[in-house]
């Protein structure tokens, strides 16, 4: 699945590559037409070497030719060409030899610039930037997007540092990298970086979920806020350098604290939403959708908790099971919608009779179960009679009079929940066999549960 942000990022790869290539052609046109401002935008400042423009042109064309679903041989060839070019330049810088004069265009213009006291050469920062981008192109052609993103990110660091140096007036930051080289490199590097937007790190950063949104905000703030703080301080640093440096540290610390606080707020919001969603899921999983009563699963969970409390405190606990007499007849003659309405009304009427601490659940079909903490058997029988009479006196639209049969039992020492429910079930069957619409209680476990005859379907 590709998110909208990823689709937009991928759609920018070719335009950025083309923009970088055209910008490089503009630099070369400056040499051809004698327009120095095209390759040296700042008077007396660094200039873009023709071979640097050629390397950026090849990188831009490589990014422009990239396609996520087709062969990227041209991309790899562009990367290999620039790697070869940059390797020779780095060898020149390391050995002090001349290897690229035969390949360098506009030799006469370069000689004129050198004679005028403004020699032009490809600096180490420009060479390393182009090398990182070229290796990233090769990695893209080999579908190694994680490696390509890392190389492109490192390569983009060189023009970013140069922009910072130009903004602060620190020439050691940009060295021999001209503003035109930094601009062209930024366009090409951004295109190469975004070509892997659908994979690895960038996929996480560009995701529409809260993690991606937080990451994007932190990246933007993490660069631009310190940059602006440093720029403002650089304007006044000559007055008291030590004081300004201390102020810079304080402001950066405050910014980091604010960023951490912002992240904490977002993470807490995420966690609150997660907890709320988990509660809703638990509620849906343990609630009967028709009657809005706890379902059988919730009954067993709550019943186990009640039994543990009873064993610990020694208080009484009784259980009561009831179901609707001849409910199948209601469904067959009146239809299932009427049957559902009867179940809903029955659940509401039963809730109105019970105490707050009593636990009512739909056990299955037309069968309901009640747990009565702090209630002995006599109290359970009394409540059962009250509930039976109340239901019998209630009018159910479409069904007329409805009656229920009830069975109840009191918890015995060391009895499990399943054993308690089985005894109450026996009492319910006895109420059915005795003519229905009555309450039957059992006071002890029967000698053989399996000997109980099955009751005819209600």
Protein backbone atom coordinates (compact mmCIF):
# COMPACT_ATOMS: atom_id res chain seq x y z
CA UNK A 1 0.00 0.00 0.00
CA UNK A 2 1.32 3.42 -0.96
CA UNK A 3 0.28 6.41 1.08
CA UNK A 4 -0.67 9.72 -0.58
CA UNK A 5 2.50 11.37 0.71
CA UNK A 6 4.61 8.59 -0.82
CA UNK A 7 2.82 8.90 -4.16
CA UNK A 8 3.47 12.66 -4.19
CA UNK A 9 7.11 12.12 -3.23
CA UNK A 10 7.64 9.60 -6.03
CA UNK A 11 6.00 11.96 -8.50
CA UNK A 12 8.67 14.58 -7.66
CA UNK A 13 11.66 12.37 -8.53
CA UNK A 14 11.70 12.98 -12.29
CA UNK A 15 10.88 16.74 -12.08
CA UNK A 16 13.66 17.25 -9.52
CA UNK A 17 16.12 15.27 -11.65
CA UNK A 18 15.15 17.28 -14.74
CA UNK A 19 15.41 20.56 -12.81
CA UNK A 20 18.91 19.62 -11.61
CA UNK A 21 19.97 18.67 -15.15
CA UNK A 22 18.61 21.91 -16.65
CA UNK A 23 20.26 23.93 -13.91
CA UNK A 24 23.57 22.25 -14.75
CA UNK A 25 23.07 23.07 -18.41
CA UNK A 26 22.51 26.69 -17.40
CA UNK A 27 25.87 26.70 -15.63
CA UNK A 28 27.57 25.27 -18.73
CA UNK A 29 25.76 27.86 -20.84
CA UNK A 30 27.33 30.53 -18.65
CA UNK A 31 30.77 29.30 -19.66
CA UNK A 32 29.78 29.09 -23.32
CA UNK A 33 28.24 32.58 -23.39
CA UNK A 34 30.76 34.23 -21.08
CA UNK A 35 28.14 34.98 -18.41
CA UNK A 36 30.13 34.63 -15.20
CA UNK A 37 27.10 35.14 -12.97
CA UNK A 38 25.77 31.76 -14.13
CA UNK A 39 28.71 29.81 -12.67
CA UNK A 40 29.98 32.35 -10.09
CA UNK A 41 26.84 33.96 -8.57
CA UNK A 42 28.79 35.85 -5.86
CA UNK A 43 31.44 38.31 -6.97
CA UNK A 44 34.83 36.97 -5.91
CA UNK A 45 33.22 33.87 -4.42
CA UNK A 46 33.54 30.19 -5.38
CA UNK A 47 32.50 29.09 -8.86
CA UNK A 48 31.10 25.85 -10.24
CA UNK A 49 33.71 23.93 -12.24
CA UNK A 50 32.54 22.65 -15.66
CA UNK A 51 33.23 19.05 -14.61
CA UNK A 52 31.09 19.59 -11.49
CA UNK A 53 28.28 20.77 -13.76
CA UNK A 54 28.80 17.75 -16.02
CA UNK A 55 28.60 15.41 -13.01
CA UNK A 56 25.39 17.11 -11.79
CA UNK A 57 23.99 16.91 -15.32
CA UNK A 58 24.63 13.14 -15.44
CA UNK A 59 23.13 12.68 -11.96
CA UNK A 60 20.07 14.72 -12.88
CA UNK A 61 19.53 12.74 -16.08
CA UNK A 62 19.93 9.52 -14.09
CA UNK A 63 17.23 10.60 -11.64
CA UNK A 64 15.02 11.71 -14.53
CA UNK A 65 15.33 8.29 -16.22
CA UNK A 66 14.44 6.39 -13.04
CA UNK A 67 11.25 4.32 -13.07
CA UNK A 68 10.07 2.14 -10.16
CA UNK A 69 8.81 -0.71 -12.36
CA UNK A 70 11.24 -0.72 -15.28
CA UNK A 71 14.88 -1.51 -15.88
CA UNK A 72 17.15 1.26 -14.61
CA UNK A 73 20.29 0.59 -16.67
CA UNK A 74 20.60 4.25 -17.63
CA UNK A 75 20.47 5.15 -13.93
CA UNK A 76 23.28 2.73 -13.13
CA UNK A 77 25.37 3.93 -16.10
CA UNK A 78 24.97 7.55 -14.98
CA UNK A 79 26.08 6.56 -11.49
CA UNK A 80 29.11 4.62 -12.78
CA UNK A 81 30.14 7.54 -15.01
CA UNK A 82 30.04 10.02 -12.12
CA UNK A 83 31.84 7.59 -9.77
CA UNK A 84 34.65 7.31 -12.35
CA UNK A 85 34.81 11.08 -12.80
CA UNK A 86 34.86 11.78 -9.05
CA UNK A 87 37.40 9.02 -8.37
CA UNK A 88 39.82 10.62 -10.80
CA UNK A 89 39.27 14.01 -9.15
CA UNK A 90 39.89 12.57 -5.68
CA UNK A 91 43.03 10.91 -7.00
CA UNK A 92 44.15 14.32 -8.33
CA UNK A 93 43.61 15.87 -4.90
CA UNK A 94 45.41 13.03 -3.13
CA UNK A 95 48.42 12.73 -5.45
CA UNK A 96 48.68 16.28 -6.73
CA UNK A 97 48.59 15.09 -10.35
CA UNK A 98 46.53 16.22 -13.35
CA UNK A 99 44.26 13.57 -14.83
CA UNK A 100 41.14 15.35 -16.07
CA UNK A 101 42.45 18.20 -18.21
CA UNK A 102 41.78 16.27 -21.41
CA UNK A 103 38.15 15.75 -20.33
CA UNK A 104 37.46 19.25 -19.01
CA UNK A 105 35.40 21.49 -21.32
CA UNK A 106 35.86 25.26 -21.57
CA UNK A 107 39.60 25.13 -20.88
CA UNK A 108 40.13 28.64 -22.30
CA UNK A 109 37.56 30.19 -19.96
CA UNK A 110 39.15 28.38 -17.00
CA UNK A 111 42.56 29.70 -17.98
CA UNK A 112 41.19 33.26 -18.21
CA UNK A 113 39.65 32.94 -14.74
CA UNK A 114 42.96 31.65 -13.35
CA UNK A 115 44.88 34.52 -14.99
CA UNK A 116 42.45 36.98 -13.43
CA UNK A 117 43.28 35.57 -9.97
CA UNK A 118 40.07 33.52 -9.64
CA UNK A 119 41.02 29.89 -10.31
CA UNK A 120 38.14 27.40 -10.48
CA UNK A 121 38.40 23.81 -9.30
CA UNK A 122 36.20 21.05 -7.94
CA UNK A 123 36.58 21.05 -4.15
CA UNK A 124 36.67 18.03 -1.89
CA UNK A 125 33.15 18.74 -0.57
CA UNK A 126 31.70 18.89 -4.10
CA UNK A 127 33.52 15.69 -5.08
CA UNK A 128 32.25 13.80 -2.02
CA UNK A 129 28.71 15.08 -2.59
CA UNK A 130 28.71 13.84 -6.19
CA UNK A 131 30.26 10.53 -5.11
CA UNK A 132 27.48 9.91 -2.55
CA UNK A 133 24.78 10.74 -5.11
CA UNK A 134 26.40 8.53 -7.76
CA UNK A 135 26.65 5.56 -5.40
CA UNK A 136 23.03 6.16 -4.40
CA UNK A 137 22.01 6.00 -8.09
CA UNK A 138 23.80 2.68 -8.47
CA UNK A 139 22.07 1.38 -5.33
CA UNK A 140 18.69 2.49 -6.74
CA UNK A 141 19.39 0.65 -9.98
CA UNK A 142 20.10 -2.47 -7.90
CA UNK A 143 16.88 -1.96 -5.85
CA UNK A 144 18.88 -1.32 -2.64
CA UNK A 145 16.67 1.53 -1.51
CA UNK A 146 17.73 1.61 2.15
CA UNK A 147 21.40 2.01 1.15
CA UNK A 148 20.46 4.58 -1.50
CA UNK A 149 18.56 6.65 1.07
CA UNK A 150 21.51 6.66 3.46
CA UNK A 151 23.96 7.69 0.74
CA UNK A 152 21.65 10.41 -0.60
CA UNK A 153 21.07 11.72 2.92
CA UNK A 154 24.83 11.96 3.55
CA UNK A 155 25.30 13.63 0.16
CA UNK A 156 22.63 16.23 0.94
CA UNK A 157 24.55 17.15 4.06
CA UNK A 158 27.24 18.88 1.98
CA UNK A 159 24.96 21.48 0.30
CA UNK A 160 23.08 21.96 3.59
CA UNK A 161 26.36 22.83 5.33
CA UNK A 162 27.24 25.15 2.46
CA UNK A 163 23.90 26.96 2.73
CA UNK A 164 24.54 27.39 6.46
CA UNK A 165 28.00 28.79 5.74
CA UNK A 166 26.65 31.28 3.21
CA UNK A 167 23.90 32.36 5.61
CA UNK A 168 26.30 32.79 8.53
CA UNK A 169 29.15 34.20 6.45
CA UNK A 170 31.49 31.35 7.44
CA UNK A 171 33.59 30.55 4.37
CA UNK A 172 35.05 27.37 5.92
CA UNK A 173 31.56 25.85 5.80
CA UNK A 174 31.22 26.07 2.04
CA UNK A 175 34.89 26.05 0.98
CA UNK A 176 35.06 25.75 -2.81
CA UNK A 177 31.38 24.82 -3.24
CA UNK A 178 29.64 27.61 -5.12
CA UNK A 179 26.05 28.55 -4.41
CA UNK A 180 25.12 27.23 -7.87
CA UNK A 181 26.73 23.86 -7.06
CA UNK A 182 24.84 23.68 -3.75
CA UNK A 183 21.52 24.51 -5.46
CA UNK A 184 22.02 22.00 -8.27
CA UNK A 185 23.21 19.34 -5.83
CA UNK A 186 20.18 19.91 -3.60
CA UNK A 187 17.75 19.39 -6.47
CA UNK A 188 19.53 16.28 -7.75
CA UNK A 189 20.03 14.86 -4.26
CA UNK A 190 16.40 15.40 -3.28
CA UNK A 191 15.25 13.59 -6.42
CA UNK A 192 17.57 10.65 -5.74
CA UNK A 193 16.49 10.51 -2.09
CA UNK A 194 12.76 10.53 -2.92
CA UNK A 195 13.11 7.70 -5.43
CA UNK A 196 13.13 5.33 -2.45
CA UNK A 197 10.14 6.95 -0.73
CA UNK A 198 8.13 3.71 -0.94
CA UNK A 199 10.73 1.72 0.99
CA UNK A 200 12.71 1.69 4.21
CA UNK A 201 13.15 4.86 6.32
CA UNK A 202 11.33 7.29 4.07
CA UNK A 203 8.24 5.08 3.98
CA UNK A 204 7.98 5.40 7.77
CA UNK A 205 8.60 9.15 7.69
CA UNK A 206 6.04 9.74 4.93
CA UNK A 207 3.33 7.52 6.40
CA UNK A 208 -0.02 9.25 7.13
CA UNK A 209 -0.10 7.80 10.65
CA UNK A 210 0.81 9.80 13.71
CA UNK A 211 4.37 8.41 13.85
CA UNK A 212 5.11 9.75 10.37
CA UNK A 213 3.51 13.11 11.15
CA UNK A 214 5.59 13.51 14.33
CA UNK A 215 8.77 12.51 12.47
CA UNK A 216 8.16 15.09 9.73
CA UNK A 217 7.53 17.88 12.23
CA UNK A 218 10.61 16.94 14.26
CA UNK A 219 12.85 16.85 11.18
CA UNK A 220 11.69 20.26 9.98
CA UNK A 221 11.90 21.87 13.41
CA UNK A 222 15.17 20.09 14.19
CA UNK A 223 16.86 21.81 11.25
CA UNK A 224 15.17 25.17 10.77
CA UNK A 225 14.84 26.27 14.41
CA UNK A 226 18.56 25.82 15.28
CA UNK A 227 19.41 27.33 11.88
CA UNK A 228 17.38 30.47 12.61
CA UNK A 229 18.72 30.73 16.15
CA UNK A 230 22.28 30.45 14.88
CA UNK A 231 21.64 32.96 12.11
CA UNK A 232 20.26 35.54 14.54
CA UNK A 233 23.19 35.04 16.88
CA UNK A 234 25.69 35.19 14.03
CA UNK A 235 24.54 38.74 13.29
CA UNK A 236 25.70 39.91 16.74
CA UNK A 237 28.44 37.42 17.62
CA UNK A 238 31.22 39.97 17.09
CA UNK A 239 30.18 41.96 20.17
CA UNK A 240 30.63 39.24 22.78
CA UNK A 241 31.37 35.80 21.29
CA UNK A 242 31.41 33.93 24.62
CA UNK A 243 28.12 35.40 25.76
CA UNK A 244 26.47 34.66 22.42
CA UNK A 245 27.72 31.08 22.49
CA UNK A 246 26.23 30.58 25.95
CA UNK A 247 22.94 32.06 24.80
CA UNK A 248 22.97 29.73 21.79
CA UNK A 249 23.41 26.69 24.07
CA UNK A 250 20.55 27.83 26.31
CA UNK A 251 18.22 28.39 23.36
CA UNK A 252 19.08 25.05 21.78
CA UNK A 253 18.49 23.27 25.11
CA UNK A 254 15.12 25.01 25.42
CA UNK A 255 14.21 23.99 21.88
CA UNK A 256 15.14 20.35 22.52
CA UNK A 257 13.03 20.39 25.69
CA UNK A 258 10.07 21.80 23.77
CA UNK A 259 10.50 19.19 21.05
CA UNK A 260 10.58 16.40 23.64
CA UNK A 261 7.48 17.86 25.33
CA UNK A 262 5.70 18.08 21.98
CA UNK A 263 6.57 14.45 21.26
CA UNK A 264 5.37 13.39 24.72
CA UNK A 265 2.01 15.13 24.17
CA UNK A 266 1.57 13.44 20.79
CA UNK A 267 2.59 10.04 22.16
CA UNK A 268 0.18 10.39 25.09
CA UNK A 269 -2.59 11.30 22.66
CA UNK A 270 -1.75 8.19 20.61
CA UNK A 271 -1.67 6.00 23.71
CA UNK A 272 -4.97 7.43 24.96
CA UNK A 273 -6.58 6.64 21.61
CA UNK A 274 -5.08 3.15 21.72
CA UNK A 275 -6.37 2.51 25.24
CA UNK A 276 -9.81 3.76 24.26
CA UNK A 277 -9.83 1.51 21.18
CA UNK A 278 -8.76 -1.46 23.29
CA UNK A 279 -11.58 -0.80 25.75
CA UNK A 280 -14.08 -0.62 22.89
CA UNK A 281 -12.76 -3.89 21.45
CA UNK A 282 -13.03 -5.60 24.83
CA UNK A 283 -16.56 -4.27 25.21
CA UNK A 284 -17.56 -5.50 21.76
CA UNK A 285 -16.00 -8.91 22.43
CA UNK A 286 -17.79 -9.34 25.77
CA UNK A 287 -21.17 -7.71 25.09
CA UNK A 288 -24.24 -9.27 23.49
CA UNK A 289 -25.23 -6.98 20.63
CA UNK A 290 -28.98 -7.67 20.87
CA UNK A 291 -29.65 -7.26 24.58
CA UNK A 292 -26.56 -5.16 25.51
CA UNK A 293 -25.92 -7.65 28.32
CA UNK A 294 -22.56 -9.29 29.05
CA UNK A 295 -22.12 -12.43 26.97
CA UNK A 296 -21.08 -15.92 28.04
CA UNK A 297 -17.38 -15.13 27.83
CA UNK A 298 -17.78 -12.11 30.10
CA UNK A 299 -19.91 -14.17 32.46
CA UNK A 300 -17.13 -16.73 32.90
CA UNK A 301 -14.50 -14.02 33.50
CA UNK A 302 -16.64 -12.19 36.05
CA UNK A 303 -17.77 -15.45 37.63
CA UNK A 304 -14.20 -16.60 38.24
CA UNK A 305 -13.41 -13.25 39.84
CA UNK A 306 -16.49 -13.53 42.10
CA UNK A 307 -15.61 -17.08 43.15
CA UNK A 308 -12.11 -16.01 44.13
CA UNK A 309 -13.60 -13.21 46.23
CA UNK A 310 -16.08 -15.57 47.87
CA UNK A 311 -13.35 -18.05 48.77
CA UNK A 312 -11.29 -15.24 50.23
CA UNK A 313 -14.03 -13.46 52.19
CA UNK A 314 -16.41 -16.35 52.97
CA UNK A 315 -19.50 -14.44 51.82
CA UNK A 316 -22.49 -16.13 50.22
CA UNK A 317 -23.01 -16.43 46.46
CA UNK A 318 -26.00 -17.77 44.57
CA UNK A 319 -26.66 -18.29 40.88
CA UNK A 320 -29.90 -18.25 38.95
CA UNK A 321 -30.59 -19.37 35.38
CA UNK A 322 -33.83 -18.73 33.51
CA UNK A 323 -35.10 -19.03 29.99
CA UNK A 324 -38.29 -18.20 28.11
CA UNK A 325 -41.00 -20.85 27.98
CA UNK A 326 -41.94 -21.96 24.48
CA UNK A 327 -39.65 -19.38 22.89
CA UNK A 328 -39.31 -21.45 19.72
CA UNK A 329 -43.08 -21.21 19.29
CA UNK A 330 -42.84 -17.39 19.39
CA UNK A 331 -40.16 -17.39 16.69
CA UNK A 332 -42.08 -19.87 14.51
CA UNK A 333 -45.48 -18.16 14.72
CA UNK A 334 -44.63 -14.47 15.18
CA UNK A 335 -41.28 -14.34 13.41
CA UNK A 336 -37.72 -13.72 14.52
CA UNK A 337 -38.06 -9.90 14.77
CA UNK A 338 -40.73 -10.40 17.43
CA UNK A 339 -38.53 -12.97 19.16
CA UNK A 340 -35.63 -10.50 19.20
CA UNK A 341 -37.92 -7.81 20.62
CA UNK A 342 -38.99 -10.21 23.38
CA UNK A 343 -35.35 -10.89 24.29
CA UNK A 344 -34.57 -7.17 24.40
CA UNK A 345 -37.62 -6.40 26.56
CA UNK A 346 -36.93 -9.32 28.86
CA UNK A 347 -33.34 -8.18 29.42
CA UNK A 348 -34.49 -4.65 30.23
CA UNK A 349 -37.20 -5.88 32.66
CA UNK A 350 -34.78 -8.22 34.41
CA UNK A 351 -32.24 -5.42 34.86
CA UNK A 352 -34.91 -3.27 36.49
CA UNK A 353 -35.54 -5.95 39.15
CA UNK A 354 -31.92 -6.68 40.07
CA UNK A 355 -29.65 -4.91 42.52
CA UNK A 356 -26.62 -2.95 41.38
CA UNK A 357 -24.17 -5.65 42.52
CA UNK A 358 -26.05 -8.47 40.77
CA UNK A 359 -24.56 -9.68 37.49
CA UNK A 360 -26.93 -10.50 34.61
CA UNK A 361 -25.65 -12.05 31.38
CA UNK A 362 -27.06 -13.69 28.29
CA UNK A 363 -25.87 -17.27 28.52
CA UNK A 364 -27.02 -18.37 25.07
CA UNK A 365 -30.16 -18.29 22.93
CA UNK A 366 -33.10 -17.48 25.21
CA UNK A 367 -31.17 -18.48 28.36
CA UNK A 368 -29.97 -15.91 30.90
CA UNK A 369 -27.84 -16.28 34.04
CA UNK A 370 -27.62 -14.13 37.18
CA UNK A 371 -24.88 -14.14 39.84
CA UNK A 372 -26.04 -12.87 43.20
CA UNK A 373 -23.13 -11.99 45.53
CA UNK A 374 -23.95 -11.82 49.23
CA UNK A 375 -27.15 -13.81 48.67
CA UNK A 376 -28.09 -17.15 50.22
CA UNK A 377 -30.35 -19.72 48.56
CA UNK A 378 -33.55 -18.42 50.20
CA UNK A 379 -32.83 -14.93 48.93
CA UNK A 380 -32.17 -16.29 45.42
CA UNK A 381 -35.51 -18.12 45.44
CA UNK A 382 -37.27 -14.96 46.62
CA UNK A 383 -35.66 -12.90 43.85
CA UNK A 384 -36.51 -15.60 41.30
CA UNK A 385 -40.18 -15.54 42.31
CA UNK A 386 -40.23 -11.75 42.08
CA UNK A 387 -38.66 -11.84 38.61
CA UNK A 388 -41.01 -14.65 37.43
CA UNK A 389 -44.11 -12.74 38.55
CA UNK A 390 -42.88 -9.49 37.04
CA UNK A 391 -42.25 -11.08 33.64
CA UNK A 392 -45.59 -12.88 33.66
CA UNK A 393 -47.37 -9.56 34.32
CA UNK A 394 -45.49 -7.73 31.56
CA UNK A 395 -47.06 -7.32 28.13
CA UNK A 396 -44.72 -8.10 25.25
CA UNK A 397 -45.86 -6.42 21.99
CA UNK A 398 -46.52 -9.01 19.32
CA UNK A 399 -46.08 -11.93 21.69
CA UNK A 400 -48.62 -11.19 24.44
CA UNK A 401 -47.87 -12.89 27.76
CA UNK A 402 -44.46 -14.47 28.20
CA UNK A 403 -43.41 -16.73 31.08
CA UNK A 404 -40.03 -17.93 32.26
CA UNK A 405 -38.72 -20.95 34.14
CA UNK A 406 -35.94 -20.49 36.70
CA UNK A 407 -33.42 -22.66 38.49
CA UNK A 408 -31.18 -21.50 41.33
CA UNK A 409 -28.49 -22.84 43.66
CA UNK A 410 -26.08 -21.56 46.27
CA UNK A 411 -22.32 -21.88 45.93
CA UNK A 412 -20.79 -24.81 47.83
CA UNK A 413 -17.28 -24.79 49.28
CA UNK A 414 -14.51 -25.58 46.78
CA UNK A 415 -17.02 -25.75 43.94
CA UNK A 416 -15.97 -24.55 40.51
CA UNK A 417 -18.00 -22.15 38.41
CA UNK A 418 -18.78 -24.92 35.93
CA UNK A 419 -20.07 -27.15 38.73
CA UNK A 420 -22.23 -24.35 40.12
CA UNK A 421 -23.72 -23.64 36.68
CA UNK A 422 -24.33 -27.38 36.13
CA UNK A 423 -26.33 -27.59 39.38
CA UNK A 424 -28.37 -24.53 38.47
CA UNK A 425 -28.98 -26.07 35.03
CA UNK A 426 -30.36 -29.19 36.73
CA UNK A 427 -32.76 -27.00 38.70
CA UNK A 428 -33.87 -25.27 35.49
CA UNK A 429 -34.56 -28.64 33.84
CA UNK A 430 -36.61 -29.65 36.87
CA UNK A 431 -38.65 -26.46 36.56
CA UNK A 432 -39.28 -27.27 32.90
CA UNK A 433 -40.38 -30.84 33.68
CA UNK A 434 -42.61 -29.62 36.49
CA UNK A 435 -44.75 -27.52 34.17
CA UNK A 436 -42.69 -24.34 33.52
CA UNK A 437 -43.33 -20.82 34.85
CA UNK A 438 -41.86 -21.66 38.24
CA UNK A 439 -38.69 -21.46 40.35
CA UNK A 440 -36.82 -24.62 41.42
CA UNK A 441 -33.86 -24.58 43.81
CA UNK A 442 -31.23 -27.25 44.51
CA UNK A 443 -29.30 -27.20 47.75
CA UNK A 444 -26.59 -29.78 47.03
CA UNK A 445 -24.86 -31.51 44.18
CA UNK A 446 -26.85 -34.42 42.73
CA UNK A 447 -25.19 -37.84 42.95
CA UNK A 448 -24.85 -38.17 39.19
CA UNK A 449 -25.13 -35.23 36.84
CA UNK A 450 -25.23 -37.49 33.83
CA UNK A 451 -28.35 -39.26 35.01
CA UNK A 452 -30.45 -36.17 34.57
CA UNK A 453 -32.74 -36.60 31.63
CA UNK A 454 -32.59 -34.02 28.95
CA UNK A 455 -35.51 -31.63 28.98
CA UNK A 456 -37.64 -31.32 25.90
CA UNK A 457 -36.70 -28.21 23.87
CA UNK A 458 -38.58 -25.19 25.17
